[in-house]
Protein backbone atom coordinates (compact mmCIF):
# COMPACT_ATOMS: atom_id res chain seq x y z
CA UNK A 1 -17.88 7.14 -37.21
CA UNK A 2 -19.58 10.50 -36.85
CA UNK A 3 -17.88 12.90 -34.45
CA UNK A 4 -20.04 13.82 -31.51
CA UNK A 5 -20.88 17.46 -30.75
CA UNK A 6 -20.54 18.95 -27.37
CA UNK A 7 -21.01 22.32 -25.57
CA UNK A 8 -17.37 22.22 -24.38
CA UNK A 9 -15.22 23.68 -27.13
CA UNK A 10 -11.58 23.58 -25.88
CA UNK A 11 -9.67 21.84 -23.12
CA UNK A 12 -6.02 21.65 -21.97
CA UNK A 13 -3.98 18.62 -20.99
CA UNK A 14 -0.71 18.52 -18.98
CA UNK A 15 1.61 16.12 -17.26
CA UNK A 16 3.13 17.08 -13.91
CA UNK A 17 5.44 15.73 -11.25
CA UNK A 18 7.54 12.57 -11.87
CA UNK A 19 7.11 11.01 -15.26
CA UNK A 20 5.62 7.54 -15.60
CA UNK A 21 5.48 5.15 -18.60
CA UNK A 22 1.99 5.44 -20.15
CA UNK A 23 1.69 9.21 -19.80
CA UNK A 24 1.91 9.61 -23.59
CA UNK A 25 -0.77 6.97 -24.03
CA UNK A 26 -3.02 9.05 -21.66
CA UNK A 27 -2.31 12.24 -23.53
CA UNK A 28 -3.14 10.55 -26.82
CA UNK A 29 -6.39 9.19 -25.42
CA UNK A 30 -7.41 12.65 -24.15
CA UNK A 31 -6.69 14.16 -27.57
CA UNK A 32 -8.39 11.58 -29.70
CA UNK A 33 -11.43 11.24 -27.36
CA UNK A 34 -11.84 15.05 -27.36
CA UNK A 35 -11.53 15.38 -31.12
CA UNK A 36 -14.13 12.59 -31.51
CA UNK A 37 -16.48 14.86 -29.57
CA UNK A 38 -15.53 17.94 -31.57
CA UNK A 39 -13.48 19.46 -28.74
CA UNK A 40 -10.11 21.18 -29.45
CA UNK A 41 -7.17 20.21 -27.28
CA UNK A 42 -4.23 22.38 -26.16
CA UNK A 43 -1.15 20.67 -24.82
CA UNK A 44 0.35 22.49 -21.84
CA UNK A 45 4.07 21.85 -21.66
CA UNK A 46 6.13 21.53 -18.42
CA UNK A 47 3.17 21.02 -16.08
CA UNK A 48 1.64 23.83 -14.04
CA UNK A 49 4.69 26.01 -14.94
CA UNK A 50 3.52 25.85 -18.54
CA UNK A 51 0.01 26.94 -17.61
CA UNK A 52 1.41 29.94 -15.77
CA UNK A 53 3.78 30.91 -18.67
CA UNK A 54 1.52 30.02 -21.56
CA UNK A 55 3.89 27.27 -22.78
CA UNK A 56 1.47 25.56 -25.14
CA UNK A 57 1.06 23.54 -28.32
CA UNK A 58 -2.05 22.70 -30.25
CA UNK A 59 -2.62 18.91 -30.41
CA UNK A 60 -4.43 16.94 -33.11
CA UNK A 61 -4.66 13.32 -34.28
CA UNK A 62 -1.37 13.54 -36.14
CA UNK A 63 0.61 15.07 -33.24
CA UNK A 64 -0.19 12.16 -31.00
CA UNK A 65 0.24 9.40 -33.61
CA UNK A 66 2.78 6.70 -32.67
CA UNK A 67 3.07 7.96 -29.10
CA UNK A 68 1.17 5.14 -27.36
CA UNK A 69 4.44 3.11 -27.25
CA UNK A 70 6.68 5.87 -26.11
CA UNK A 71 7.92 6.29 -22.51
CA UNK A 72 8.37 9.63 -20.78
CA UNK A 73 6.04 12.48 -21.71
CA UNK A 74 5.86 14.40 -24.98
CA UNK A 75 4.53 17.39 -23.01
CA UNK A 76 7.59 17.40 -20.65
CA UNK A 77 7.06 17.70 -16.90
CA UNK A 78 8.17 19.93 -14.06
CA UNK A 79 7.41 20.78 -10.45
CA UNK A 80 6.15 24.25 -9.84
CA UNK A 81 6.62 26.08 -6.55
CA UNK A 82 5.08 29.19 -8.05
CA UNK A 83 1.82 27.39 -8.79
CA UNK A 84 1.45 26.63 -5.11
CA UNK A 85 1.05 30.34 -4.49
CA UNK A 86 -2.10 32.42 -4.93
CA UNK A 87 -0.29 34.60 -7.43
CA UNK A 88 0.82 31.66 -9.48
CA UNK A 89 -2.69 30.21 -9.58
CA UNK A 90 -4.17 33.50 -10.76
CA UNK A 91 -1.66 33.63 -13.57
CA UNK A 92 -2.71 30.07 -14.57
CA UNK A 93 -6.42 31.11 -14.46
CA UNK A 94 -5.56 34.10 -16.65
CA UNK A 95 -3.92 31.78 -19.18
CA UNK A 96 -6.98 29.56 -19.20
CA UNK A 97 -9.22 32.55 -19.88
CA UNK A 98 -6.92 33.98 -22.53
CA UNK A 99 -6.85 30.61 -24.40
CA UNK A 100 -10.53 29.86 -23.84
CA UNK A 101 -9.77 26.62 -21.97
CA UNK A 102 -12.96 25.25 -20.49
CA UNK A 103 -11.33 22.37 -18.63
CA UNK A 104 -7.95 20.85 -17.75
CA UNK A 105 -6.90 17.21 -17.69
CA UNK A 106 -3.99 16.88 -15.24
CA UNK A 107 -1.93 13.66 -15.43
CA UNK A 108 0.27 12.88 -12.50
CA UNK A 109 0.27 12.04 -8.76
CA UNK A 110 -0.77 13.52 -5.47
CA UNK A 111 0.96 16.91 -5.97
CA UNK A 112 -0.65 17.21 -9.43
CA UNK A 113 -4.10 16.61 -8.01
CA UNK A 114 -3.54 19.16 -5.27
CA UNK A 115 -2.66 21.70 -7.95
CA UNK A 116 -5.79 20.74 -9.91
CA UNK A 117 -7.91 21.19 -6.82
CA UNK A 118 -6.46 24.64 -6.26
CA UNK A 119 -7.21 25.55 -9.83
CA UNK A 120 -10.81 24.37 -9.54
CA UNK A 121 -11.42 26.77 -6.66
CA UNK A 122 -10.82 29.57 -9.17
CA UNK A 123 -13.65 28.23 -11.37
CA UNK A 124 -11.70 26.10 -13.84
CA UNK A 125 -13.05 22.57 -14.46
CA UNK A 126 -10.39 19.90 -13.72
CA UNK A 127 -10.01 16.14 -13.98
CA UNK A 128 -7.03 14.21 -12.67
CA UNK A 129 -5.58 11.05 -14.18
CA UNK A 130 -3.42 8.97 -11.71
CA UNK A 131 0.06 8.35 -13.17
CA UNK A 132 2.90 7.45 -10.79
CA UNK A 133 5.13 4.43 -10.58
CA UNK A 134 4.78 4.48 -6.78
CA UNK A 135 1.14 3.39 -7.20
CA UNK A 136 0.34 5.40 -4.06
CA UNK A 137 -2.82 7.24 -5.03
CA UNK A 138 -5.32 5.88 -2.45
CA UNK A 139 -8.53 6.32 -4.38
CA UNK A 140 -7.53 4.00 -7.24
CA UNK A 141 -6.32 0.46 -7.24
CA UNK A 142 -3.90 1.20 -10.07
CA UNK A 143 -1.79 4.10 -11.28
CA UNK A 144 -0.40 4.42 -14.81
CA UNK A 145 3.25 3.47 -14.96
CA UNK A 146 3.41 0.95 -12.06
CA UNK A 147 3.39 -2.20 -14.20
CA UNK A 148 6.15 -0.96 -16.52
CA UNK A 149 8.32 0.19 -13.66
CA UNK A 150 7.90 -3.09 -11.87
CA UNK A 151 8.86 -5.11 -15.00
CA UNK A 152 11.90 -2.93 -15.54
CA UNK A 153 13.07 -3.52 -11.94
CA UNK A 154 12.28 -7.28 -12.21
CA UNK A 155 14.35 -7.59 -15.45
CA UNK A 156 17.32 -5.80 -13.87
CA UNK A 157 17.18 -7.89 -10.64
CA UNK A 158 16.88 -11.17 -12.59
CA UNK A 159 20.14 -10.29 -14.31
CA UNK A 160 21.75 -9.28 -11.01
CA UNK A 161 20.73 -12.59 -9.48
CA UNK A 162 22.71 -14.53 -12.17
CA UNK A 163 25.98 -12.96 -11.08
CA UNK A 164 25.11 -12.96 -7.38
CA UNK A 165 24.50 -16.68 -7.58
CA UNK A 166 27.70 -17.30 -9.47
CA UNK A 167 29.75 -15.47 -6.87
CA UNK A 168 27.58 -16.55 -3.91
CA UNK A 169 26.98 -12.96 -2.83
CA UNK A 170 24.43 -10.79 -1.14
CA UNK A 171 22.87 -8.12 -3.35
CA UNK A 172 21.14 -4.96 -2.08
CA UNK A 173 18.86 -3.45 -4.72
CA UNK A 174 17.30 -0.09 -4.08
CA UNK A 175 14.05 0.60 -5.96
CA UNK A 176 11.93 3.77 -6.07
CA UNK A 177 9.33 4.44 -3.36
CA UNK A 178 10.15 7.48 -1.17
CA UNK A 179 7.03 7.31 0.95
CA UNK A 180 5.40 4.12 -0.33
CA UNK A 181 6.61 0.54 -0.55
CA UNK A 182 4.08 -0.82 -3.15
CA UNK A 183 6.67 -1.08 -5.88
CA UNK A 184 9.30 -2.71 -3.65
CA UNK A 185 6.84 -5.25 -2.20
CA UNK A 186 5.47 -6.19 -5.57
CA UNK A 187 8.96 -6.51 -7.07
CA UNK A 188 10.26 -8.42 -4.08
CA UNK A 189 7.48 -10.98 -4.51
CA UNK A 190 8.16 -11.29 -8.26
CA UNK A 191 11.90 -11.93 -7.94
CA UNK A 192 11.78 -14.12 -4.89
CA UNK A 193 13.74 -11.77 -2.65
CA UNK A 194 15.34 -13.03 0.53
CA UNK A 195 14.07 -9.81 2.31
CA UNK A 196 12.17 -6.65 1.40
CA UNK A 197 12.29 -3.31 3.21
CA UNK A 198 9.40 -0.87 2.84
CA UNK A 199 8.72 2.46 4.58
CA UNK A 200 5.43 1.19 6.05
CA UNK A 201 7.13 -1.72 7.93
CA UNK A 202 7.16 -1.67 11.76
CA UNK A 203 9.63 -4.51 12.09
CA UNK A 204 13.21 -3.89 13.26
CA UNK A 205 16.21 -4.47 11.00
CA UNK A 206 17.15 -7.65 12.86
CA UNK A 207 13.78 -9.20 12.14
CA UNK A 208 13.26 -7.66 8.76
CA UNK A 209 16.64 -8.47 7.17
CA UNK A 210 19.23 -10.20 9.31
CA UNK A 211 17.08 -13.13 10.52
CA UNK A 212 15.81 -13.77 7.01
CA UNK A 213 19.28 -13.93 5.58
CA UNK A 214 20.37 -16.10 8.44
CA UNK A 215 17.43 -18.51 7.89
CA UNK A 216 18.16 -18.59 4.18
CA UNK A 217 21.82 -19.62 4.95
CA UNK A 218 20.62 -22.35 7.44
CA UNK A 219 18.32 -23.63 4.61
CA UNK A 220 21.28 -24.08 2.32
CA UNK A 221 21.27 -20.83 0.30
CA UNK A 222 24.53 -19.07 -0.41
CA UNK A 223 23.28 -15.99 -2.28
CA UNK A 224 20.76 -13.42 -1.06
CA UNK A 225 18.70 -10.68 -2.67
CA UNK A 226 17.41 -7.78 -0.47
CA UNK A 227 15.02 -5.28 -2.15
CA UNK A 228 14.86 -1.85 -0.47
CA UNK A 229 12.42 0.92 -1.15
CA UNK A 230 14.35 4.21 -1.19
CA UNK A 231 12.21 5.52 1.68
CA UNK A 232 12.94 2.49 3.90
CA UNK A 233 16.66 3.13 4.15
CA UNK A 234 19.77 4.07 2.31
CA UNK A 235 21.01 1.04 0.39
CA UNK A 236 24.65 1.70 1.28
CA UNK A 237 23.77 1.96 5.00
CA UNK A 238 21.80 -1.30 4.72
CA UNK A 239 24.79 -2.95 3.15
CA UNK A 240 27.07 -1.76 5.91
CA UNK A 241 24.84 -3.00 8.63
CA UNK A 242 24.69 -6.48 7.03
CA UNK A 243 28.47 -6.40 6.71
CA UNK A 244 28.85 -5.44 10.43
CA UNK A 245 26.23 -7.89 11.81
CA UNK A 246 26.72 -11.06 9.75
CA UNK A 247 30.08 -10.52 8.00
CA UNK A 248 28.72 -10.72 4.49
CA UNK A 249 30.13 -8.48 1.74
CA UNK A 250 27.01 -7.18 -0.09
CA UNK A 251 26.94 -5.45 -3.45
CA UNK A 252 24.69 -2.42 -3.86
CA UNK A 253 22.69 -1.54 -6.97
CA UNK A 254 20.49 1.59 -7.10
CA UNK A 255 18.09 1.31 -10.02
CA UNK A 256 17.11 4.97 -9.84
CA UNK A 257 15.37 6.67 -12.72
CA UNK A 258 15.74 3.79 -15.09
CA UNK A 259 12.46 2.63 -13.60
CA UNK A 260 10.59 5.63 -14.92
CA UNK A 261 11.55 5.06 -18.56
CA UNK A 262 11.06 2.51 -21.21
CA UNK A 263 8.26 1.24 -23.44
CA UNK A 264 4.98 1.04 -21.48
CA UNK A 265 3.48 -2.45 -21.03
CA UNK A 266 0.14 -3.43 -22.46
CA UNK A 267 -1.48 -2.91 -19.09
CA UNK A 268 -0.24 0.69 -18.84
CA UNK A 269 -1.20 1.50 -22.44
CA UNK A 270 -4.72 0.20 -22.06
CA UNK A 271 -5.32 1.66 -18.59
CA UNK A 272 -4.02 5.03 -19.76
CA UNK A 273 -6.29 4.94 -22.78
CA UNK A 274 -9.34 4.08 -20.76
CA UNK A 275 -8.48 6.75 -18.20
CA UNK A 276 -7.94 9.39 -20.85
CA UNK A 277 -11.27 8.61 -22.47
CA UNK A 278 -13.05 8.84 -19.11
CA UNK A 279 -11.45 12.17 -18.25
CA UNK A 280 -12.72 13.76 -21.46
CA UNK A 281 -16.20 12.19 -20.90
CA UNK A 282 -16.33 13.85 -17.46
CA UNK A 283 -15.45 17.30 -18.76
CA UNK A 284 -17.73 16.98 -21.75
CA UNK A 285 -20.65 16.31 -19.46
CA UNK A 286 -20.00 19.29 -17.15
CA UNK A 287 -18.02 17.44 -14.47
CA UNK A 288 -15.22 18.95 -12.46
CA UNK A 289 -12.97 18.35 -9.48
CA UNK A 290 -12.77 14.60 -10.25
CA UNK A 291 -10.09 11.93 -10.21
CA UNK A 292 -10.38 9.05 -12.66
CA UNK A 293 -9.95 5.80 -10.77
CA UNK A 294 -9.78 2.05 -11.39
CA UNK A 295 -11.50 0.15 -8.63
CA UNK A 296 -11.94 -3.61 -8.79
CA UNK A 297 -11.39 -3.48 -12.59
CA UNK A 298 -14.17 -0.87 -12.99
CA UNK A 299 -13.36 2.59 -14.33
CA UNK A 300 -15.01 5.28 -12.26
CA UNK A 301 -14.33 8.78 -10.94
CA UNK A 302 -14.46 10.39 -7.50
CA UNK A 303 -14.25 13.84 -5.95
CA UNK A 304 -10.61 15.14 -5.61
CA UNK A 305 -11.16 16.18 -2.03
CA UNK A 306 -12.40 12.69 -1.13
CA UNK A 307 -9.61 11.06 -3.11
CA UNK A 308 -6.86 13.10 -1.43
CA UNK A 309 -8.32 12.41 2.02
CA UNK A 310 -7.94 8.63 1.55
CA UNK A 311 -4.90 6.72 2.78
CA UNK A 312 -3.40 3.73 0.90
CA UNK A 313 -1.58 1.22 3.03
CA UNK A 314 0.45 -1.74 1.98
CA UNK A 315 -1.56 -4.71 0.70
CA UNK A 316 -1.88 -7.02 3.64
CA UNK A 317 -2.31 -10.13 1.56
CA UNK A 318 0.96 -9.41 -0.29
CA UNK A 319 2.64 -8.80 3.13
CA UNK A 320 1.44 -12.16 4.40
CA UNK A 321 2.54 -13.94 1.25
CA UNK A 322 5.89 -12.26 1.40
CA UNK A 323 6.40 -13.41 5.01
CA UNK A 324 5.85 -17.01 3.91
CA UNK A 325 8.20 -16.65 0.90
CA UNK A 326 11.24 -14.78 2.28
CA UNK A 327 14.14 -16.14 4.24
CA UNK A 328 13.37 -19.82 3.42
């Protein structure tokens, strides 16, 4: 195929915030889509810090070969307090001008997009790609990394259930989700949890957990699985409350950062590839201040300001289904 020509000559790509499976697939897609259009790509290492400090690497077809199946991020990632300051942003702008970067593709979550928006106000074209296992970016139905993280948690919990059933125990499993319970709710449904705790819930502990365990026991069950989003409560404290109120002896497992690693699923690879292609298409056609989004299976893009202003609540259908499935 003949490479397309475009007025944009050089762009940068970075990953920022928490890593998510599929970030490498997104970087790969950005690089190959850009090269197809005759655009050079500079990899910016360690997120916004790298743009401030000029921590860069030139990327080509070979440098991103065999990365679509790798977890983590080949560009590394970091959080940058300096970039949130006017001085830090001006340093980043200076780096863009020095390197001749005509656009930046920023892969990450809410904080990454706020950084991109700040950079755009200094005249740099930016496009954000949503990648976070929390799946909490409101303007898109799906964020890169969620499916892989969910499947990792499900595999671990399925193994835990085997031993919990053998010993007739209660297991408390803490999954990631500091401010959002999408992962915990989805995983809870997938593993048939006895109870699920999410930050968005307005129910009290008695209703949310104790009564569901009690109902499960009355229905003949002798082992119980409670999935807790990290933002809904400390797993050890949840365990102690169960111990105090119904005299069970729960075992606690905190899955932690294992959920961020691993080989990305097909869904994350394909979504990342589609989003990376769309991001380059936006920049190549003069777009800026956009977030690539997947809405009702359609790839689109929206203004960053509009996207950040939206709020994503828990899926009410999933909540209703969970209510019918838990504690019985």
